[in-house]
Protein backbone atom coordinates (compact mmCIF):
# COMPACT_ATOMS: atom_id res chain seq x y z
CA MET A 1 0.00 0.00 0.00
CA ALA A 2 1.00 3.61 -0.42
CA ASP A 3 2.53 5.86 2.18
CA LYS A 4 0.70 5.91 5.55
CA ASN A 5 0.45 9.71 5.41
CA VAL A 6 -1.97 9.53 2.48
CA ARG A 7 -5.37 8.86 3.98
CA TYR A 8 -8.45 9.91 2.12
CA GLY A 9 -9.34 9.50 -1.53
CA ALA A 10 -8.57 6.64 -3.86
CA GLU A 11 -7.08 8.91 -6.53
CA ILE A 12 -4.58 10.46 -4.10
CA ARG A 13 -3.56 7.02 -2.83
CA LYS A 14 -3.03 5.83 -6.42
CA GLN A 15 -0.86 8.86 -7.21
CA ALA A 16 1.19 8.33 -4.04
CA ALA A 17 1.68 4.64 -4.87
CA LYS A 18 2.81 5.55 -8.40
CA ILE A 19 5.37 8.06 -7.08
CA ASP A 20 6.67 5.58 -4.48
CA ALA A 21 7.16 2.94 -7.19
CA LEU A 22 8.84 5.45 -9.51
CA LYS A 23 11.37 6.73 -6.99
CA SER A 24 12.40 3.22 -5.91
CA SER A 25 12.85 1.86 -9.44
CA SER A 26 16.08 1.68 -11.46
CA PHE A 27 16.81 3.89 -14.45
CA ILE A 28 19.22 3.63 -17.39
CA CYS A 29 22.54 5.41 -16.86
CA PRO A 30 23.25 8.13 -19.46
CA LYS A 31 27.01 7.43 -19.25
CA CYS A 32 27.41 3.65 -19.24
CA GLY A 33 23.97 2.58 -20.51
CA LYS A 34 23.26 0.05 -17.76
CA LYS A 35 20.04 -0.02 -15.76
CA LYS A 36 21.76 0.72 -12.45
CA VAL A 37 20.80 4.30 -11.55
CA LYS A 38 19.09 4.58 -8.16
CA ARG A 39 17.91 7.54 -6.10
CA LYS A 40 20.43 8.72 -3.49
CA GLY A 41 18.49 11.66 -2.10
CA ASN A 42 16.23 14.48 -3.11
CA SER A 43 17.04 15.05 -6.83
CA LEU A 44 20.33 13.10 -6.55
CA TRP A 45 20.84 9.94 -8.58
CA ALA A 46 23.86 7.64 -8.68
CA CYS A 47 24.86 4.82 -11.00
CA ARG A 48 25.94 1.75 -9.10
CA SER A 49 27.98 0.52 -12.06
CA CYS A 50 30.14 3.51 -13.07
CA ASN A 51 29.69 5.59 -9.87
CA ALA A 52 28.45 8.62 -11.83
CA VAL A 53 26.22 11.05 -9.89
CA PHE A 54 23.43 12.99 -11.60
CA ALA A 55 21.07 15.79 -10.67
CA GLY A 56 17.58 15.06 -11.90
CA GLY A 57 13.98 15.18 -10.88
CA THR A 58 12.83 14.50 -7.36
CA TYR A 59 11.09 11.21 -8.17
CA SER A 60 12.53 10.32 -11.59
CA LEU A 61 15.90 10.69 -13.27
CA SER A 62 14.66 13.12 -15.90
CA THR A 63 11.87 15.69 -16.03
CA PRO A 64 9.98 16.99 -19.06
CA ALA A 65 11.71 20.38 -18.72
CA GLY A 66 15.09 18.67 -18.49
CA GLU A 67 14.42 16.65 -21.65
CA VAL A 68 13.55 19.84 -23.55
CA ALA A 69 16.74 21.48 -22.31
CA MET A 70 18.85 18.50 -23.40
CA ARG A 71 17.31 18.59 -26.88
CA LEU A 72 18.05 22.32 -27.18
CA ILE A 73 21.64 21.82 -26.04
CA GLU A 74 22.16 19.05 -28.60
CA GLU A 75 20.62 21.22 -31.31
CA TYR A 76 22.95 24.13 -30.50
CA LYS A 77 25.95 21.82 -30.48
CA LYS A 78 25.21 20.79 -34.07
CA ARG A 79 25.40 24.39 -35.30
């Protein structure tokens, strides 16, 4: 079940359960490509394979705003 702090409302409990599952899952490392990135702390992510540390979203490695920024950076690099 979701966090004990979430009490009333099925929709809120579902959202809390989704966030809890997301922050405890593994993500793919942008440097080595292995699925070994885990959450270290608030917005801190570390790869257990290559020991790289990343700043990302609070509950996931990347955010929609971060993905847009990465695309823009890559586009400017090509020029």
